[in-house]
Structure formats: C-alpha cells, structure tokens
C-alpha cells in the first residue's frame, strides 16, 4: 500500500507586489499516484495560508485502481498579513490513509515580495559637537527586493532646546590656585552688571522723566510713537526676554535647519546599495532630536532617530603656577598638571613652544604628553 507523490516540496508559490498591482491567490498542482495493488482512501490536510481547492480541507480521496493518479491544487493566499513587509510562509501538506497508519508530508513554501529596504542602523547619534560646527554620518541602505524601490525622506517629529550660556563660560574656571587677581573679579562683576542693565531697560520712557523738547528727532519721548516705531521697539533685541531652556520658537529655527539628509529621494535598483548622508548643524547651545521617516512607494515606512547637541568647550587646570622650588643642579624636578574637561565636547590640546625631543636639557622644560585629546 503506497502513494507516490510527484514532488516532496511545493515551491514557486511566490508573488511580487508592485505599487500598481494587487495580490492574487497563487496556485500549484500536486500529482499523486497509487502504486499499490490495493485501493486507498487518502485524507489531505493543509493549514492557512495554504488551502486545497475543495470545500473541506480534510478531503477524503479514493484511489481504487492500480496506478491511478489524482491532481490536486494547492492555493496560497499572499494577503494573509496586512502589511507591506516581504514575508515567507512555510507549512506542510499532510497526507494520511484510512487503511494504514502511515503519514506522508509535502513541504509547502510561499513568498510575497514588497519594495523593501534594509538600513544598517536605526539610530544616528551625533553626540555633542562644538558650537557653530557641523558633522556628517553615513548610513548604508540596501534594496534586497526583486523590484526597484522609490523612496523619499521627511521629518515627522522633532524637539529643539536651547541652553543659555556665555561665550566664555567655563573656560579656565574653577582653578584651585588662590593667586587670581581681584581686578578680574571686579571686571566680571562689572560686565554682569552691564548685561543686566541692558536687559532691564524699559520699553517706554518712565512717567517721572521730564519731557525733552528735541526737534531733531533723536529722542522719542517728545512725541507719540507711531505704529511702525512701536513694532520696531517690540522686535528690538533689548525688549526681548531671555531665551529659556526649551523655547526654540523664539529663534525661528526649523528642524530642516538642524538636520539634513542627502539624497532626499532616489530610486534603488534590485540588490543595489546607497549611502545616505545625515548632517547635524550645531547651532549655539542647541540640543535636538528628530525622527526622519523614509517612505517607500508601495512599501512600508522606516523611521530613523536623530540626536545631536552643540556646546562650548569647558575646561580648567588644577593649577596655574608650578613652583619647583630649589633643586640640586644634577637632578630633574617633576610636576603634574591636570586638565579637567567639564564640558560636553571633547577637546584636543597641544603644548606650544616646547621641544618634542626626548633629550632633557638643563633649564628647559620637557612634557611627557605635549598633545592629546580630553574626552568626557
């Protein structure tokens, strides 16, 4: 008692979904032969997304004659999932017999191809760079689909923050040495006072101020302000409040001025790769994140997270004066200076006007590390 199948594996149940096409049910024929001398009753069973072309999937087939053959249609439904991702379904067609406990199996495989892309990373972190500089990272995208893929980029979500910092903040600060001149502190206080006075200037002259008759027009207190002059005063930088953390709308900077993507749209042929350039423009004291979406024509959307910060270089030395004291004429004095990087940006340093040679000369300085990088 034996049934011979025309094949042990049913392949070729594949379809390619183009943007202008629709998914159709795929059909494959399976031929079964009764090579025994006894009649057989065969039961076939298939699981979704594979089906038999009968009303009942557990269909009883009678094969009574010697060497009789039956042809059966196996259906594959490519729309068994509601998405645009390339997928593969594998199952088995179970063949059992009423007169015998033996079971045979036919492997089934169906494939659905969509315009899909593969990105080597899903997050691009630019780190923290120096203010008013830019950095670019490259991400490789590959088309593994059997058809051409058209795509375009857009920003779907973003967050922009600014932090108030003075241009010289943190540079050379927090020095442990007590030899700082008092004049510098007084100058710093004077500068801070001047800044505060500038910001606190009133929008209009004080009512207690006496009127000034100046016909040359150098003072606006002698006549009513026109609508144009009022608009100019409102938009004057002196009358604007200080930018607080998170008030990015005051700067009028859009996300497309912070992150850039090249190319914005393109077409990738089958099994072709392309380099996508992501650029971050480090506006002063900015912290930004965004989600860039790659929309594939007839395919899914791919989201890439972008992160970037820009800040000042902030550092200090643990001392400003190195006193070796009195030393023997034939001995070398050694001292250590520690450079602390207190900012968010890594910095490169180099010691100027030093001999890079390894020979120690009398009365000369030699640095064991005359250049390097101080990271966070």
Protein backbone atom coordinates (compact mmCIF):
# COMPACT_ATOMS: atom_id res chain seq x y z
CA UNK A 1 0.00 0.00 0.00
CA UNK A 2 1.83 3.06 -1.23
CA UNK A 3 1.23 6.50 -2.74
CA UNK A 4 3.89 8.19 -4.75
CA UNK A 5 3.86 11.98 -4.87
CA UNK A 6 5.10 13.93 -7.84
CA UNK A 7 7.22 16.08 -5.51
CA UNK A 8 8.14 16.26 -1.86
CA UNK A 9 8.24 20.06 -1.80
CA UNK A 10 5.91 22.58 -3.40
CA UNK A 11 7.73 25.80 -4.28
CA UNK A 12 7.08 28.56 -6.76
CA UNK A 13 4.15 29.93 -4.73
CA UNK A 14 5.59 33.43 -4.82
CA UNK A 15 4.34 36.79 -5.94
CA UNK A 16 5.79 40.31 -6.20
CA UNK A 17 3.62 43.21 -5.05
CA UNK A 18 4.29 46.27 -7.19
CA UNK A 19 2.73 49.63 -6.29
CA UNK A 20 0.25 49.42 -9.18
CA UNK A 21 -0.61 45.71 -8.78
CA UNK A 22 -2.87 43.70 -6.45
CA UNK A 23 -2.19 40.48 -4.61
CA UNK A 24 -3.74 37.41 -6.25
CA UNK A 25 -4.06 33.85 -4.97
CA UNK A 26 -1.27 31.60 -6.26
CA UNK A 27 -1.98 28.02 -7.33
CA UNK A 28 0.29 24.99 -7.65
CA UNK A 29 -0.53 21.46 -8.83
CA UNK A 30 0.42 18.31 -6.89
CA UNK A 31 0.12 14.91 -8.60
CA UNK A 32 -0.43 11.76 -6.51
CA UNK A 33 -0.06 8.17 -7.81
CA UNK A 34 -1.42 4.97 -6.22
CA UNK A 35 1.38 2.50 -6.97
CA UNK A 36 -0.01 -0.29 -4.77
CA UNK A 37 -2.41 -3.10 -5.78
CA UNK A 38 -4.98 -2.14 -3.17
CA UNK A 39 -7.47 0.69 -3.16
CA UNK A 40 -6.60 3.63 -0.92
CA UNK A 41 -8.57 6.34 0.78
CA UNK A 42 -6.35 9.38 1.22
CA UNK A 43 -7.04 12.31 3.56
CA UNK A 44 -5.32 15.61 2.75
CA UNK A 45 -4.91 18.42 5.25
CA UNK A 46 -3.44 21.90 4.73
CA UNK A 47 -3.19 24.90 7.08
CA UNK A 48 -3.75 28.55 6.21
CA UNK A 49 -2.40 30.46 4.27
CA UNK A 50 -2.25 27.28 2.21
CA UNK A 51 -5.50 25.67 1.11
CA UNK A 52 -6.78 22.84 -1.05
CA UNK A 53 -9.11 23.60 -3.89
CA UNK A 54 -12.05 21.87 -2.15
CA UNK A 55 -14.70 22.98 0.28
CA UNK A 56 -13.44 20.80 3.13
CA UNK A 57 -9.67 20.97 3.78
CA UNK A 58 -9.82 17.45 5.24
CA UNK A 59 -10.81 15.97 1.93
CA UNK A 60 -11.09 12.17 1.56
CA UNK A 61 -9.75 10.97 -1.75
CA UNK A 62 -10.47 7.44 -3.00
CA UNK A 63 -7.80 5.87 -5.21
CA UNK A 64 -9.13 2.42 -6.08
CA UNK A 65 -7.34 1.50 -9.28
CA UNK A 66 -3.78 0.43 -9.69
CA UNK A 67 -1.52 3.24 -10.84
CA UNK A 68 -4.40 5.66 -10.71
CA UNK A 69 -3.35 9.28 -10.40
CA UNK A 70 -5.02 12.35 -8.98
CA UNK A 71 -4.07 16.01 -9.47
CA UNK A 72 -4.71 18.41 -6.61
CA UNK A 73 -4.47 22.18 -6.49
CA UNK A 74 -2.75 23.85 -3.55
CA UNK A 75 -3.65 27.51 -3.06
CA UNK A 76 -1.53 30.17 -1.36
CA UNK A 77 -3.12 33.40 -0.10
CA UNK A 78 -0.41 36.14 -0.18
CA UNK A 79 -2.62 38.63 1.69
CA UNK A 80 -2.64 36.64 4.92
CA UNK A 81 -0.93 39.61 6.60
CA UNK A 82 -2.00 43.21 6.30
CA UNK A 83 1.36 44.95 5.88
CA UNK A 84 3.92 45.78 3.21
CA UNK A 85 6.83 43.71 4.50
CA UNK A 86 8.40 40.92 2.46
CA UNK A 87 7.45 37.62 4.07
CA UNK A 88 7.77 33.87 3.68
CA UNK A 89 5.22 31.25 4.80
CA UNK A 90 6.15 27.61 5.28
CA UNK A 91 3.86 24.72 6.12
CA UNK A 92 3.19 21.08 5.25
CA UNK A 93 0.52 19.25 3.33
CA UNK A 94 -0.37 16.23 5.47
CA UNK A 95 -1.21 13.01 3.62
CA UNK A 96 -2.84 10.24 5.71
CA UNK A 97 -4.61 7.00 4.83
CA UNK A 98 -7.77 5.38 6.11
CA UNK A 99 -6.43 1.86 5.71
CA UNK A 100 -2.95 2.46 7.10
CA UNK A 101 -1.37 4.49 9.94
CA UNK A 102 1.41 5.86 7.75
CA UNK A 103 1.55 9.60 7.12
CA UNK A 104 3.38 11.46 4.41
CA UNK A 105 4.15 15.16 4.19
CA UNK A 106 4.70 17.60 1.36
CA UNK A 107 6.57 20.79 2.27
CA UNK A 108 4.86 24.00 1.19
CA UNK A 109 6.56 27.37 0.78
CA UNK A 110 5.05 30.68 -0.29
CA UNK A 111 6.78 34.06 -0.68
CA UNK A 112 5.47 37.59 -1.02
CA UNK A 113 7.85 40.35 -2.13
CA UNK A 114 7.29 44.05 -1.47
CA UNK A 115 9.50 47.07 -2.19
CA UNK A 116 11.62 46.88 0.98
CA UNK A 117 14.85 48.48 2.18
CA UNK A 118 17.40 47.46 4.80
CA UNK A 119 19.22 50.07 6.93
CA UNK A 120 22.44 49.28 8.75
CA UNK A 121 21.27 51.30 11.79
CA UNK A 122 18.03 52.74 13.14
CA UNK A 123 19.55 55.50 15.29
CA UNK A 124 22.09 58.18 14.40
CA UNK A 125 23.64 59.87 17.44
CA UNK A 126 25.93 62.76 16.54
CA UNK A 127 26.98 63.28 20.13
CA UNK A 128 27.96 66.77 21.28
CA UNK A 129 29.96 68.96 18.90
CA UNK A 130 31.43 72.45 19.15
CA UNK A 131 29.08 75.38 18.65
CA UNK A 132 28.64 76.56 15.05
CA UNK A 133 30.18 73.45 13.52
CA UNK A 134 28.65 70.53 11.65
CA UNK A 135 29.16 66.78 11.47
CA UNK A 136 28.04 64.15 8.95
CA UNK A 137 27.40 60.44 9.36
CA UNK A 138 26.78 57.93 6.58
CA UNK A 139 24.20 55.14 6.72
CA UNK A 140 24.14 52.44 4.04
CA UNK A 141 20.72 51.38 2.74
CA UNK A 142 20.23 48.27 0.58
CA UNK A 143 17.39 47.10 -1.64
CA UNK A 144 17.00 43.32 -1.25
CA UNK A 145 13.74 43.26 -3.20
CA UNK A 146 13.40 41.84 -6.75
CA UNK A 147 11.98 45.18 -7.94
CA UNK A 148 13.11 48.81 -7.99
CA UNK A 149 12.37 50.86 -4.88
CA UNK A 150 11.47 54.55 -4.87
CA UNK A 151 11.74 56.41 -1.57
CA UNK A 152 11.68 59.90 -0.08
CA UNK A 153 12.57 61.40 3.32
CA UNK A 154 10.60 63.64 5.65
CA UNK A 155 10.66 64.71 9.30
CA UNK A 156 7.64 63.55 11.32
CA UNK A 157 8.65 64.52 14.87
CA UNK A 158 11.20 66.83 16.44
CA UNK A 159 12.20 68.55 19.67
CA UNK A 160 14.55 71.55 19.88
CA UNK A 161 16.03 73.03 23.05
CA UNK A 162 18.41 75.89 23.70
CA UNK A 163 20.56 76.49 26.77
CA UNK A 164 21.71 79.94 27.84
CA UNK A 165 25.49 80.13 28.11
CA UNK A 166 28.01 82.95 27.88
CA UNK A 167 30.64 82.63 25.17
CA UNK A 168 33.49 82.31 27.69
CA UNK A 169 31.64 80.27 30.29
CA UNK A 170 33.67 77.52 31.89
CA UNK A 171 36.98 78.25 30.17
CA UNK A 172 39.74 78.50 32.72
CA UNK A 173 37.26 78.50 35.61
CA UNK A 174 37.37 76.66 38.92
CA UNK A 175 41.12 76.95 39.35
CA UNK A 176 42.33 75.83 42.76
CA UNK A 177 45.12 78.39 42.88
CA UNK A 178 44.34 81.42 45.04
CA UNK A 179 46.51 83.78 43.03
CA UNK A 180 43.66 85.09 40.86
CA UNK A 181 43.84 88.89 40.68
CA UNK A 182 40.95 90.73 42.22
CA UNK A 183 40.77 93.05 39.23
CA UNK A 184 39.47 90.22 37.05
CA UNK A 185 36.66 89.51 39.51
CA UNK A 186 35.72 93.17 39.60
CA UNK A 187 35.71 93.32 35.80
CA UNK A 188 33.48 90.23 35.63
CA UNK A 189 31.05 91.79 38.10
CA UNK A 190 31.03 94.98 36.08
CA UNK A 191 30.30 93.07 32.89
CA UNK A 192 27.47 91.14 34.52
CA UNK A 193 26.03 94.39 35.85
CA UNK A 194 26.21 95.93 32.40
CA UNK A 195 24.40 92.98 30.87
CA UNK A 196 21.67 93.13 33.46
CA UNK A 197 21.20 96.83 32.93
CA UNK A 198 20.90 96.34 29.19
CA UNK A 199 18.23 93.66 29.55
CA UNK A 200 16.24 95.57 32.15
CA UNK A 201 15.81 98.71 30.05
CA UNK A 202 12.10 99.69 29.98
CA UNK A 203 10.15 99.55 26.74
CA UNK A 204 9.00 103.19 27.09
CA UNK A 205 10.30 106.26 28.97
CA UNK A 206 9.43 106.49 32.66
CA UNK A 207 6.48 108.75 33.50
CA UNK A 208 8.62 110.54 36.10
CA UNK A 209 11.17 111.66 33.49
CA UNK A 210 10.71 115.27 32.41
CA UNK A 211 9.69 115.80 28.78
CA UNK A 212 12.51 116.71 26.45
CA UNK A 213 11.87 119.03 23.51
CA UNK A 214 14.19 117.74 20.81
CA UNK A 215 13.08 118.68 17.36
CA UNK A 216 15.88 116.75 15.71
CA UNK A 217 14.07 113.50 16.41
CA UNK A 218 16.91 111.94 18.40
CA UNK A 219 14.54 111.24 21.33
CA UNK A 220 11.13 109.58 21.05
CA UNK A 221 9.93 110.95 24.41
CA UNK A 222 8.88 114.33 22.97
CA UNK A 223 6.13 112.98 20.69
CA UNK A 224 3.78 109.98 20.46
CA UNK A 225 5.24 106.85 18.92
CA UNK A 226 3.87 105.80 15.57
CA UNK A 227 2.65 102.25 14.92
CA UNK A 228 5.81 101.48 12.93
CA UNK A 229 8.05 102.67 15.74
CA UNK A 230 6.10 100.60 18.27
CA UNK A 231 6.60 97.49 16.14
CA UNK A 232 10.31 98.23 15.93
CA UNK A 233 10.51 98.59 19.70
CA UNK A 234 8.66 95.33 20.23
CA UNK A 235 11.01 93.44 17.91
CA UNK A 236 14.14 95.09 19.32
CA UNK A 237 16.57 92.61 20.92
CA UNK A 238 16.67 94.78 24.05
CA UNK A 239 12.94 94.29 24.60
CA UNK A 240 13.01 90.53 24.00
CA UNK A 241 13.06 88.24 27.08
CA UNK A 242 15.96 85.92 27.72
CA UNK A 243 15.73 82.54 25.95
CA UNK A 244 14.97 79.82 28.47
CA UNK A 245 15.60 76.13 28.01
CA UNK A 246 13.07 74.70 25.57
CA UNK A 247 11.92 77.97 23.91
CA UNK A 248 13.11 77.15 20.44
CA UNK A 249 10.31 79.07 18.73
CA UNK A 250 11.98 82.35 19.70
CA UNK A 251 14.92 81.58 17.47
CA UNK A 252 12.78 80.72 14.46
CA UNK A 253 14.90 77.68 13.59
CA UNK A 254 13.18 74.79 11.86
CA UNK A 255 14.23 71.17 12.12
CA UNK A 256 15.37 71.23 8.49
CA UNK A 257 17.97 73.84 9.51
CA UNK A 258 19.37 71.50 12.16
CA UNK A 259 19.34 68.13 10.40
CA UNK A 260 19.85 67.48 6.72
CA UNK A 261 19.51 64.31 4.63
CA UNK A 262 21.07 63.63 1.24
CA UNK A 263 19.63 62.44 -1.05
CA UNK A 264 16.08 63.37 -0.07
CA UNK A 265 14.63 60.99 -2.67
CA UNK A 266 16.01 58.42 -5.04
CA UNK A 267 15.43 55.05 -6.74
CA UNK A 268 17.33 51.91 -5.82
CA UNK A 269 17.52 49.01 -8.25
CA UNK A 270 17.27 45.43 -7.11
CA UNK A 271 20.14 44.41 -4.76
CA UNK A 272 21.68 47.89 -5.02
CA UNK A 273 23.12 49.80 -2.04
CA UNK A 274 23.38 53.53 -1.46
CA UNK A 275 25.00 55.84 1.08
CA UNK A 276 22.65 58.23 2.90
CA UNK A 277 24.30 61.29 4.47
CA UNK A 278 22.84 62.63 7.71
CA UNK A 279 24.20 66.05 8.72
CA UNK A 280 23.80 67.85 12.04
CA UNK A 281 24.32 71.63 12.17
CA UNK A 282 25.45 72.62 15.65
CA UNK A 283 23.71 75.93 16.32
CA UNK A 284 24.96 77.55 19.50
CA UNK A 285 23.98 75.65 22.67
CA UNK A 286 21.36 73.54 20.93
CA UNK A 287 20.04 70.12 21.86
CA UNK A 288 17.81 68.49 19.31
CA UNK A 289 16.27 65.19 18.39
CA UNK A 290 14.10 64.23 15.44
CA UNK A 291 12.55 61.27 13.68
CA UNK A 292 13.30 61.03 9.96
CA UNK A 293 10.87 58.85 8.01
CA UNK A 294 11.79 57.08 4.79
CA UNK A 295 8.56 56.45 2.87
CA UNK A 296 8.78 53.72 0.23
CA UNK A 297 6.40 53.91 -2.72
CA UNK A 298 4.24 50.80 -2.40
CA UNK A 299 6.14 49.65 0.69
CA UNK A 300 6.49 50.35 4.41
CA UNK A 301 7.83 53.38 6.25
CA UNK A 302 11.19 53.31 8.02
CA UNK A 303 11.92 55.64 10.95
CA UNK A 304 15.46 56.75 11.83
CA UNK A 305 16.04 58.55 15.14
CA UNK A 306 18.44 61.52 15.02
CA UNK A 307 20.14 63.01 18.10
CA UNK A 308 22.60 65.92 18.31
CA UNK A 309 23.94 68.54 20.70
CA UNK A 310 26.23 71.55 20.45
CA UNK A 311 28.01 73.29 23.30
CA UNK A 312 31.07 75.26 24.38
CA UNK A 313 34.47 73.91 25.27
CA UNK A 314 34.69 73.95 29.06
CA UNK A 315 37.85 73.05 30.96
CA UNK A 316 40.17 74.10 33.75
CA UNK A 317 43.63 73.24 35.12
CA UNK A 318 44.16 72.22 38.69
CA UNK A 319 46.83 74.91 38.99
CA UNK A 320 48.18 77.94 37.15
CA UNK A 321 51.59 78.19 38.82
CA UNK A 322 54.10 75.36 39.07
CA UNK A 323 56.82 76.10 41.63
CA UNK A 324 59.67 73.58 41.54
CA UNK A 325 61.49 75.26 44.43
CA UNK A 326 65.22 74.79 44.84
CA UNK A 327 66.66 71.70 43.19
CA UNK A 328 70.08 70.09 43.02
CA UNK A 329 71.99 71.02 39.89
CA UNK A 330 72.15 67.40 38.67
CA UNK A 331 68.57 66.42 39.45
CA UNK A 332 65.40 66.81 37.37
CA UNK A 333 62.22 68.11 39.00
CA UNK A 334 58.89 66.60 38.02
CA UNK A 335 55.47 68.18 38.44
CA UNK A 336 52.00 67.22 37.25
CA UNK A 337 49.28 69.46 35.83
CA UNK A 338 45.79 68.02 35.44
CA UNK A 339 43.49 69.21 32.66
CA UNK A 340 39.80 68.74 33.55
CA UNK A 341 37.23 68.69 30.75
CA UNK A 342 33.99 69.81 32.42
CA UNK A 343 32.00 70.39 29.25
CA UNK A 344 30.10 68.12 26.90
CA UNK A 345 32.53 68.48 23.98
CA UNK A 346 35.73 66.51 23.64
CA UNK A 347 38.73 68.78 23.08
CA UNK A 348 42.18 68.39 21.56
CA UNK A 349 45.11 70.10 23.24
CA UNK A 350 48.72 70.84 22.29
CA UNK A 351 51.51 72.44 24.33
CA UNK A 352 53.16 75.27 22.38
CA UNK A 353 56.82 76.30 22.24
CA UNK A 354 58.23 73.05 23.56
CA UNK A 355 60.95 70.76 22.26
CA UNK A 356 59.38 67.48 21.20
CA UNK A 357 62.68 65.64 21.53
CA UNK A 358 63.41 63.10 24.24
CA UNK A 359 66.66 64.68 25.40
CA UNK A 360 66.42 66.61 28.65
CA UNK A 361 68.36 69.88 28.50
CA UNK A 362 69.48 71.94 31.55
CA UNK A 363 66.99 74.67 32.42
CA UNK A 364 64.49 73.52 29.77
CA UNK A 365 61.03 72.05 30.12
CA UNK A 366 60.06 68.69 28.68
CA UNK A 367 56.48 67.45 28.52
CA UNK A 368 55.69 63.76 28.50
CA UNK A 369 52.34 64.46 26.77
CA UNK A 370 52.57 67.59 24.68
CA UNK A 371 49.34 66.88 22.78
CA UNK A 372 46.30 64.68 23.08
CA UNK A 373 42.53 64.54 23.46
CA UNK A 374 40.49 65.11 26.58
CA UNK A 375 37.18 63.31 26.30
CA UNK A 376 34.15 63.38 28.53
